[in-house]
Protein backbone atom coordinates (compact mmCIF):
# COMPACT_ATOMS: atom_id res chain seq x y z
CA UNK A 1 -4.09 -7.29 -14.66
CA UNK A 2 -1.79 -10.28 -15.29
CA UNK A 3 -1.97 -13.03 -12.71
CA UNK A 4 1.33 -13.96 -11.11
CA UNK A 5 1.39 -16.89 -8.75
CA UNK A 6 2.34 -16.25 -5.14
CA UNK A 7 4.21 -18.97 -3.29
CA UNK A 8 2.15 -20.78 -0.70
CA UNK A 9 3.31 -20.97 2.89
CA UNK A 10 2.26 -23.42 5.56
CA UNK A 11 -0.45 -22.55 8.07
CA UNK A 12 2.20 -22.73 10.77
CA UNK A 13 3.91 -19.61 9.42
CA UNK A 14 3.54 -16.75 11.85
CA UNK A 15 1.34 -13.91 10.66
CA UNK A 16 2.68 -10.36 10.89
CA UNK A 17 0.66 -7.98 13.07
CA UNK A 18 0.48 -4.21 13.21
CA UNK A 19 0.79 -3.05 16.80
CA UNK A 20 -2.39 -1.43 18.13
CA UNK A 21 -0.63 1.86 18.90
CA UNK A 22 0.46 2.21 15.27
CA UNK A 23 -3.11 1.73 14.06
CA UNK A 24 -4.27 4.44 16.45
CA UNK A 25 -1.54 6.82 15.25
CA UNK A 26 -2.34 6.07 11.60
CA UNK A 27 -6.06 6.68 12.09
CA UNK A 28 -5.37 9.87 14.04
CA UNK A 29 -3.19 11.11 11.18
CA UNK A 30 -5.83 10.15 8.64
CA UNK A 31 -8.61 12.09 10.34
CA UNK A 32 -6.41 15.09 11.20
CA UNK A 33 -6.69 16.80 7.84
CA UNK A 34 -9.13 16.91 4.98
CA UNK A 35 -8.37 13.37 3.82
CA UNK A 36 -11.20 10.97 3.14
CA UNK A 37 -11.44 7.33 4.17
CA UNK A 38 -12.02 6.13 0.60
CA UNK A 39 -8.45 4.89 0.15
CA UNK A 40 -7.91 3.33 3.61
CA UNK A 41 -6.39 -0.02 2.72
CA UNK A 42 -5.85 -3.18 4.73
CA UNK A 43 -3.57 -1.53 7.26
CA UNK A 44 -2.11 -4.65 8.75
CA UNK A 45 -0.94 -6.30 5.54
CA UNK A 46 0.09 -3.00 3.96
CA UNK A 47 2.15 -2.03 7.02
CA UNK A 48 3.93 -5.37 7.02
CA UNK A 49 4.61 -5.60 3.29
CA UNK A 50 6.03 -2.09 3.27
CA UNK A 51 8.28 -2.89 6.22
CA UNK A 52 9.33 -6.16 4.60
CA UNK A 53 10.19 -4.64 1.24
CA UNK A 54 11.92 -1.47 2.42
CA UNK A 55 13.07 -1.94 6.04
CA UNK A 56 11.66 1.56 6.60
CA UNK A 57 9.21 2.55 9.32
CA UNK A 58 5.89 2.35 7.42
CA UNK A 59 4.26 5.35 9.07
CA UNK A 60 6.82 7.53 7.28
CA UNK A 61 4.62 6.98 4.22
CA UNK A 62 1.32 8.08 5.82
CA UNK A 63 1.42 11.57 4.28
CA UNK A 64 4.24 11.16 1.78
CA UNK A 65 3.73 13.03 -1.48
CA UNK A 66 0.30 13.16 -3.08
CA UNK A 67 -0.72 9.46 -3.02
CA UNK A 68 0.87 7.72 -0.06
CA UNK A 69 -1.58 7.41 2.79
CA UNK A 70 -5.31 8.10 2.69
CA UNK A 71 -6.78 9.96 -0.24
CA UNK A 72 -4.73 10.82 -3.29
CA UNK A 73 -4.89 13.56 -5.88
CA UNK A 74 -2.73 15.53 -8.25
CA UNK A 75 0.43 14.41 -9.99
CA UNK A 76 2.73 12.01 -8.06
CA UNK A 77 5.83 13.84 -6.81
CA UNK A 78 8.46 11.13 -7.32
CA UNK A 79 9.03 7.42 -7.88
CA UNK A 80 7.85 6.49 -4.38
CA UNK A 81 4.66 8.49 -4.85
CA UNK A 82 4.12 6.71 -8.19
CA UNK A 83 4.34 3.40 -6.32
CA UNK A 84 1.55 4.62 -4.05
CA UNK A 85 -0.54 5.77 -7.03
CA UNK A 86 -0.21 2.35 -8.70
CA UNK A 87 -1.09 0.63 -5.42
CA UNK A 88 -4.25 2.78 -5.12
CA UNK A 89 -5.17 1.83 -8.69
CA UNK A 90 -4.54 -1.84 -7.99
CA UNK A 91 -6.84 -1.74 -4.95
CA UNK A 92 -9.46 0.06 -7.07
CA UNK A 93 -9.21 -2.81 -9.57
CA UNK A 94 -9.61 -5.33 -6.74
CA UNK A 95 -12.76 -3.55 -5.59
CA UNK A 96 -14.13 -3.59 -9.15
CA UNK A 97 -13.64 -7.37 -9.10
CA UNK A 98 -15.82 -7.62 -5.98
CA UNK A 99 -12.91 -7.94 -3.55
CA UNK A 100 -12.49 -6.05 -0.29
CA UNK A 101 -8.84 -5.00 0.03
CA UNK A 102 -9.72 -2.80 3.00
CA UNK A 103 -10.89 -5.72 5.14
CA UNK A 104 -9.70 -8.97 3.53
CA UNK A 105 -6.90 -10.61 5.50
CA UNK A 106 -4.35 -13.22 4.48
CA UNK A 107 -1.32 -14.90 5.96
CA UNK A 108 2.13 -14.02 4.75
CA UNK A 109 5.78 -14.00 5.71
CA UNK A 110 8.87 -12.02 4.78
CA UNK A 111 11.94 -13.78 3.39
CA UNK A 112 14.94 -11.76 2.19
CA UNK A 113 12.88 -8.56 1.80
CA UNK A 114 10.35 -10.49 -0.29
CA UNK A 115 6.72 -10.98 0.66
CA UNK A 116 5.52 -14.60 0.48
CA UNK A 117 1.76 -15.21 0.74
CA UNK A 118 -0.57 -18.05 1.60
CA UNK A 119 -3.28 -17.50 -1.02
CA UNK A 120 -6.65 -19.09 -0.45
CA UNK A 121 -8.99 -17.57 -3.04
CA UNK A 122 -9.20 -15.35 -6.12
CA UNK A 123 -9.60 -12.07 -4.20
CA UNK A 124 -6.70 -12.85 -1.91
CA UNK A 125 -4.58 -13.51 -5.00
CA UNK A 126 -5.50 -10.12 -6.50
CA UNK A 127 -4.80 -8.29 -3.24
CA UNK A 128 -1.60 -10.31 -2.80
CA UNK A 129 -0.38 -9.11 -6.18
CA UNK A 130 -1.21 -5.49 -5.35
CA UNK A 131 0.77 -5.57 -2.13
CA UNK A 132 3.63 -7.64 -3.54
CA UNK A 133 4.12 -5.32 -6.53
CA UNK A 134 3.91 -2.25 -4.29
CA UNK A 135 6.43 -3.68 -1.84
CA UNK A 136 8.87 -4.33 -4.70
CA UNK A 137 8.26 -0.86 -6.12
CA UNK A 138 8.86 0.85 -2.76
CA UNK A 139 11.98 -1.25 -2.23
CA UNK A 140 13.75 0.27 -5.22
CA UNK A 141 12.23 3.77 -5.19
CA UNK A 142 14.18 6.52 -3.44
CA UNK A 143 12.62 7.96 -0.28
CA UNK A 144 12.87 11.76 -0.37
CA UNK A 145 12.39 13.30 3.07
CA UNK A 146 11.15 16.55 1.54
CA UNK A 147 7.89 14.80 0.55
CA UNK A 148 7.01 13.67 4.10
CA UNK A 149 3.84 15.54 5.18
CA UNK A 150 3.59 17.09 1.72
CA UNK A 151 0.68 19.59 1.74
CA UNK A 152 -2.29 18.33 -0.25
CA UNK A 153 -2.90 21.76 -1.82
CA UNK A 154 0.48 21.48 -3.61
CA UNK A 155 -0.61 18.32 -5.42
CA UNK A 156 -2.68 20.18 -8.00
CA UNK A 157 -5.73 19.15 -9.96
CA UNK A 158 -4.14 17.32 -12.88
CA UNK A 159 -3.72 13.64 -12.14
CA UNK A 160 -2.76 10.47 -14.02
CA UNK A 161 -5.39 7.86 -14.76
CA UNK A 162 -4.90 4.32 -13.59
CA UNK A 163 -2.87 2.46 -16.16
CA UNK A 164 -0.67 5.49 -16.90
CA UNK A 165 2.98 4.64 -16.23
CA UNK A 166 5.60 7.25 -15.37
């Protein structure tokens, strides 16, 4: 994975927070079906970067297509779903490097629909790149309402490996 520098922000920059009620709704959605927790990412940063990059309500992505939200299987349904697949793969890479994208926190801000991070260590830089690339991907990918709450059984059993590009 190529390293791309993230701009540093001052400690005085206000950190974005996910409201408690949204976390509760997200977790309720996650445990509602047959999804597993294995792909539950850092909710707070992921929520904020998605909102920053797209200006969309992030919970619209909770069960979008086959890869957005917890779990992930089958072939991605569209460009937005491919963004989610790549983000899952990026977080898998971070975990292979000994990082904890599920729990690691970092400070960031949003400027002109671009995520700017305060990076402190190697793992934060890797996770920063995952979220930054995903936020840019989601920004330009069309959002197709027909894939909201897409049934998992329609995703199939054939799936792309990480590194495969649509």
